[in-house]
Amino acid sequence: MERTNGTEPWQRSLQAVLSALNRSLHGAGPCPGQPPAAPVSRDPRRDANAYMYILFVMTLFAATVGSLILGYTRSRRVDKRSDPYHVYIKNRVSMI
């Protein structure tokens, strides 16, 4: 007697949905009830400046991350008045 875990119908329906989605994305045919789509002609000049947009976004990201890193390291480098050196040692040395 073979036992199943009850996921087989769910797996079959998921596989059917994924294969239908894959067929529609690769242009195998329209969805049921849809008229066939007109062929799309791509203009090569449309995406000519896509690399400039990507470069611009990467530059903005680099500037943001760089300013955050620089601000953090400079804030850690500044001597704070709550530093133990300023609270205890510096005052005792000046008293001697």
N, C-alpha and C. Protein backbone atom coordinates (compact mmCIF):
# COMPACT_ATOMS: atom_id res chain seq x y z
N MET A 1 0.85 -1.18 0.00
CA MET A 1 0.00 0.00 0.00
C MET A 1 0.89 1.25 0.00
N GLU A 2 0.75 2.05 -1.02
CA GLU A 2 1.58 3.24 -1.15
C GLU A 2 0.86 4.46 -0.59
N ARG A 3 1.59 5.23 0.19
CA ARG A 3 1.00 6.44 0.80
C ARG A 3 1.53 7.67 0.10
N THR A 4 0.68 8.66 -0.11
CA THR A 4 1.10 9.93 -0.69
C THR A 4 0.89 11.02 0.34
N ASN A 5 1.60 12.10 0.16
CA ASN A 5 1.50 13.20 1.12
C ASN A 5 0.46 14.24 0.74
N GLY A 6 -0.26 14.08 -0.32
CA GLY A 6 -1.36 14.97 -0.68
C GLY A 6 -0.94 16.20 -1.48
N THR A 7 0.31 16.30 -1.88
CA THR A 7 0.75 17.48 -2.64
C THR A 7 0.76 17.24 -4.14
N GLU A 8 0.47 16.04 -4.57
CA GLU A 8 0.53 15.75 -6.00
C GLU A 8 -0.47 16.56 -6.83
N PRO A 9 -1.75 16.70 -6.43
CA PRO A 9 -2.65 17.55 -7.23
C PRO A 9 -2.21 19.00 -7.26
N TRP A 10 -1.70 19.49 -6.14
CA TRP A 10 -1.22 20.87 -6.08
C TRP A 10 -0.02 21.04 -7.00
N GLN A 11 0.85 20.07 -7.02
CA GLN A 11 2.04 20.15 -7.86
C GLN A 11 1.67 20.11 -9.34
N ARG A 12 0.69 19.29 -9.71
CA ARG A 12 0.25 19.23 -11.11
C ARG A 12 -0.38 20.54 -11.55
N SER A 13 -1.21 21.15 -10.68
CA SER A 13 -1.83 22.42 -11.06
C SER A 13 -0.81 23.54 -11.14
N LEU A 14 0.17 23.52 -10.26
CA LEU A 14 1.24 24.52 -10.32
C LEU A 14 2.06 24.36 -11.59
N GLN A 15 2.35 23.12 -11.95
CA GLN A 15 3.10 22.87 -13.17
C GLN A 15 2.32 23.33 -14.39
N ALA A 16 1.01 23.14 -14.41
CA ALA A 16 0.19 23.58 -15.54
C ALA A 16 0.19 25.10 -15.65
N VAL A 17 0.10 25.80 -14.51
CA VAL A 17 0.10 27.26 -14.53
C VAL A 17 1.45 27.78 -15.00
N LEU A 18 2.53 27.18 -14.51
CA LEU A 18 3.86 27.64 -14.91
C LEU A 18 4.14 27.38 -16.39
N SER A 19 3.70 26.24 -16.90
CA SER A 19 3.93 25.98 -18.32
C SER A 19 3.10 26.91 -19.19
N ALA A 20 1.87 27.24 -18.78
CA ALA A 20 1.06 28.19 -19.54
C ALA A 20 1.69 29.58 -19.53
N LEU A 21 2.23 29.97 -18.37
CA LEU A 21 2.91 31.26 -18.28
C LEU A 21 4.15 31.28 -19.15
N ASN A 22 4.89 30.21 -19.15
CA ASN A 22 6.09 30.12 -19.97
C ASN A 22 5.75 30.19 -21.46
N ARG A 23 4.68 29.51 -21.88
CA ARG A 23 4.27 29.58 -23.29
C ARG A 23 3.85 30.98 -23.67
N SER A 24 3.12 31.68 -22.79
CA SER A 24 2.66 33.02 -23.14
C SER A 24 3.79 34.02 -23.15
N LEU A 25 4.79 33.83 -22.28
CA LEU A 25 5.92 34.76 -22.26
C LEU A 25 6.82 34.59 -23.47
N HIS A 26 6.93 33.39 -23.98
CA HIS A 26 7.79 33.14 -25.13
C HIS A 26 7.05 33.28 -26.45
N GLY A 27 5.83 33.75 -26.41
CA GLY A 27 5.10 34.05 -27.63
C GLY A 27 4.58 32.83 -28.36
N ALA A 28 4.32 31.75 -27.67
CA ALA A 28 3.82 30.55 -28.33
C ALA A 28 2.39 30.72 -28.78
N GLY A 29 1.66 31.59 -28.15
CA GLY A 29 0.28 31.80 -28.55
C GLY A 29 -0.42 32.68 -27.53
N PRO A 30 -1.53 33.28 -27.92
CA PRO A 30 -2.24 34.14 -26.98
C PRO A 30 -2.99 33.31 -25.94
N CYS A 31 -3.36 33.95 -24.86
CA CYS A 31 -4.17 33.31 -23.84
C CYS A 31 -5.55 33.02 -24.42
N PRO A 32 -6.26 32.05 -23.86
CA PRO A 32 -7.60 31.75 -24.37
C PRO A 32 -8.52 32.97 -24.27
N GLY A 33 -9.23 33.26 -25.35
CA GLY A 33 -10.15 34.39 -25.37
C GLY A 33 -9.51 35.69 -25.79
N GLN A 34 -8.22 35.70 -26.04
CA GLN A 34 -7.52 36.92 -26.44
C GLN A 34 -7.29 36.90 -27.95
N PRO A 35 -7.43 38.05 -28.61
CA PRO A 35 -7.10 38.08 -30.04
C PRO A 35 -5.58 38.04 -30.20
N PRO A 36 -5.10 37.53 -31.31
CA PRO A 36 -3.65 37.50 -31.52
C PRO A 36 -3.08 38.92 -31.57
N ALA A 37 -1.94 39.07 -30.95
CA ALA A 37 -1.30 40.38 -30.88
C ALA A 37 -0.58 40.69 -32.19
N ALA A 38 -0.51 41.98 -32.51
CA ALA A 38 0.22 42.41 -33.69
C ALA A 38 1.71 42.29 -33.42
N PRO A 39 2.51 41.97 -34.42
CA PRO A 39 3.96 41.87 -34.20
C PRO A 39 4.53 43.22 -33.80
N VAL A 40 5.42 43.19 -32.84
CA VAL A 40 6.02 44.41 -32.31
C VAL A 40 7.36 44.62 -33.00
N SER A 41 7.52 45.80 -33.60
CA SER A 41 8.81 46.12 -34.20
C SER A 41 9.57 47.00 -33.22
N ARG A 42 10.78 46.58 -32.88
CA ARG A 42 11.59 47.33 -31.92
C ARG A 42 12.46 48.34 -32.64
N ASP A 43 12.47 49.52 -32.09
CA ASP A 43 13.32 50.58 -32.62
C ASP A 43 14.68 50.48 -31.91
N PRO A 44 15.76 50.26 -32.63
CA PRO A 44 17.06 50.10 -31.97
C PRO A 44 17.52 51.38 -31.28
N ARG A 45 17.03 52.54 -31.73
CA ARG A 45 17.43 53.80 -31.09
C ARG A 45 16.75 54.01 -29.75
N ARG A 46 15.70 53.22 -29.47
CA ARG A 46 14.94 53.41 -28.23
C ARG A 46 15.79 53.10 -27.00
N ASP A 47 16.62 52.07 -27.08
CA ASP A 47 17.44 51.67 -25.94
C ASP A 47 18.89 52.12 -26.08
N ALA A 48 19.14 53.08 -26.91
CA ALA A 48 20.52 53.49 -27.17
C ALA A 48 21.19 54.10 -25.95
N ASN A 49 20.44 54.79 -25.11
CA ASN A 49 21.03 55.44 -23.95
C ASN A 49 20.75 54.70 -22.65
N ALA A 50 20.43 53.43 -22.73
CA ALA A 50 20.15 52.66 -21.53
C ALA A 50 21.40 52.54 -20.66
N TYR A 51 22.56 52.38 -21.28
CA TYR A 51 23.78 52.26 -20.51
C TYR A 51 24.09 53.55 -19.75
N MET A 52 23.71 54.71 -20.32
CA MET A 52 23.93 55.98 -19.62
C MET A 52 23.04 56.06 -18.37
N TYR A 53 21.83 55.58 -18.47
CA TYR A 53 20.93 55.59 -17.31
C TYR A 53 21.48 54.67 -16.22
N ILE A 54 21.95 53.49 -16.60
CA ILE A 54 22.51 52.57 -15.61
C ILE A 54 23.75 53.18 -14.97
N LEU A 55 24.59 53.81 -15.75
CA LEU A 55 25.79 54.46 -15.21
C LEU A 55 25.42 55.60 -14.27
N PHE A 56 24.40 56.36 -14.62
CA PHE A 56 23.94 57.47 -13.77
C PHE A 56 23.42 56.95 -12.43
N VAL A 57 22.62 55.91 -12.46
CA VAL A 57 22.08 55.35 -11.22
C VAL A 57 23.19 54.76 -10.36
N MET A 58 24.14 54.08 -10.98
CA MET A 58 25.26 53.52 -10.22
C MET A 58 26.11 54.62 -9.61
N THR A 59 26.29 55.73 -10.31
CA THR A 59 27.05 56.85 -9.77
C THR A 59 26.34 57.46 -8.57
N LEU A 60 25.03 57.63 -8.66
CA LEU A 60 24.29 58.16 -7.52
C LEU A 60 24.38 57.22 -6.32
N PHE A 61 24.28 55.94 -6.56
CA PHE A 61 24.40 54.96 -5.48
C PHE A 61 25.78 55.01 -4.85
N ALA A 62 26.82 55.09 -5.68
CA ALA A 62 28.19 55.15 -5.16
C ALA A 62 28.41 56.42 -4.34
N ALA A 63 27.88 57.54 -4.80
CA ALA A 63 28.03 58.78 -4.05
C ALA A 63 27.30 58.71 -2.72
N THR A 64 26.12 58.12 -2.70
CA THR A 64 25.37 57.98 -1.44
C THR A 64 26.10 57.09 -0.47
N VAL A 65 26.55 55.94 -0.91
CA VAL A 65 27.26 55.02 -0.02
C VAL A 65 28.58 55.63 0.42
N GLY A 66 29.28 56.29 -0.48
CA GLY A 66 30.55 56.94 -0.12
C GLY A 66 30.36 58.02 0.92
N SER A 67 29.32 58.83 0.78
CA SER A 67 29.10 59.89 1.77
C SER A 67 28.70 59.30 3.13
N LEU A 68 27.95 58.21 3.12
CA LEU A 68 27.59 57.56 4.39
C LEU A 68 28.83 56.98 5.07
N ILE A 69 29.69 56.34 4.31
CA ILE A 69 30.91 55.77 4.90
C ILE A 69 31.82 56.87 5.41
N LEU A 70 31.99 57.93 4.63
CA LEU A 70 32.84 59.03 5.04
C LEU A 70 32.30 59.72 6.29
N GLY A 71 31.00 59.95 6.33
CA GLY A 71 30.39 60.57 7.51
C GLY A 71 30.54 59.72 8.74
N TYR A 72 30.40 58.41 8.60
CA TYR A 72 30.53 57.52 9.75
C TYR A 72 31.97 57.49 10.26
N THR A 73 32.95 57.39 9.34
CA THR A 73 34.33 57.32 9.79
C THR A 73 34.79 58.64 10.39
N ARG A 74 34.35 59.75 9.88
CA ARG A 74 34.73 61.03 10.47
C ARG A 74 34.09 61.25 11.83
N SER A 75 32.87 60.76 12.00
CA SER A 75 32.22 60.92 13.30
C SER A 75 32.90 60.04 14.34
N ARG A 76 33.49 58.92 13.95
CA ARG A 76 34.19 58.06 14.89
C ARG A 76 35.57 58.60 15.21
N ARG A 77 36.15 59.39 14.34
CA ARG A 77 37.50 59.89 14.52
C ARG A 77 37.56 61.10 15.46
N VAL A 78 36.49 61.85 15.56
CA VAL A 78 36.48 63.07 16.37
C VAL A 78 36.55 62.68 17.84
N ASP A 79 37.43 63.35 18.60
CA ASP A 79 37.52 63.09 20.03
C ASP A 79 36.29 63.67 20.71
N LYS A 80 35.63 62.84 21.45
CA LYS A 80 34.44 63.28 22.15
C LYS A 80 34.81 63.63 23.58
N ARG A 81 34.10 64.53 24.21
CA ARG A 81 34.39 64.94 25.58
C ARG A 81 34.05 63.85 26.59
N SER A 82 33.26 62.86 26.18
CA SER A 82 32.95 61.76 27.09
C SER A 82 33.99 60.65 27.00
N ASP A 83 35.04 60.87 26.21
CA ASP A 83 36.12 59.90 26.10
C ASP A 83 36.85 59.82 27.44
N PRO A 84 37.20 58.62 27.92
CA PRO A 84 37.86 58.51 29.23
C PRO A 84 39.17 59.30 29.32
N TYR A 85 39.86 59.48 28.21
CA TYR A 85 41.09 60.26 28.23
C TYR A 85 40.79 61.70 28.65
N HIS A 86 39.74 62.27 28.08
CA HIS A 86 39.41 63.66 28.39
C HIS A 86 38.80 63.80 29.79
N VAL A 87 38.12 62.78 30.26
CA VAL A 87 37.45 62.88 31.55
C VAL A 87 38.42 62.71 32.70
N TYR A 88 39.32 61.72 32.63
CA TYR A 88 40.17 61.38 33.79
C TYR A 88 41.63 61.75 33.59
N ILE A 89 42.26 61.28 32.53
CA ILE A 89 43.70 61.38 32.41
C ILE A 89 44.15 62.80 32.12
N LYS A 90 43.52 63.51 31.21
CA LYS A 90 43.96 64.84 30.82
C LYS A 90 43.86 65.81 31.99
N ASN A 91 42.80 65.73 32.76
CA ASN A 91 42.63 66.62 33.90
C ASN A 91 43.65 66.32 34.99
N ARG A 92 44.02 65.08 35.24
CA ARG A 92 45.01 64.73 36.27
C ARG A 92 46.40 65.16 35.86
N VAL A 93 46.72 65.06 34.57
CA VAL A 93 48.05 65.46 34.12
C VAL A 93 48.22 66.97 34.29
N SER A 94 47.17 67.74 34.05
CA SER A 94 47.29 69.19 34.19
C SER A 94 47.36 69.59 35.66
N MET A 95 46.91 68.76 36.59
CA MET A 95 46.98 69.06 38.01
C MET A 95 48.37 68.80 38.57
N ILE A 96 49.16 67.94 37.94
CA ILE A 96 50.48 67.58 38.46
C ILE A 96 51.48 68.63 38.17
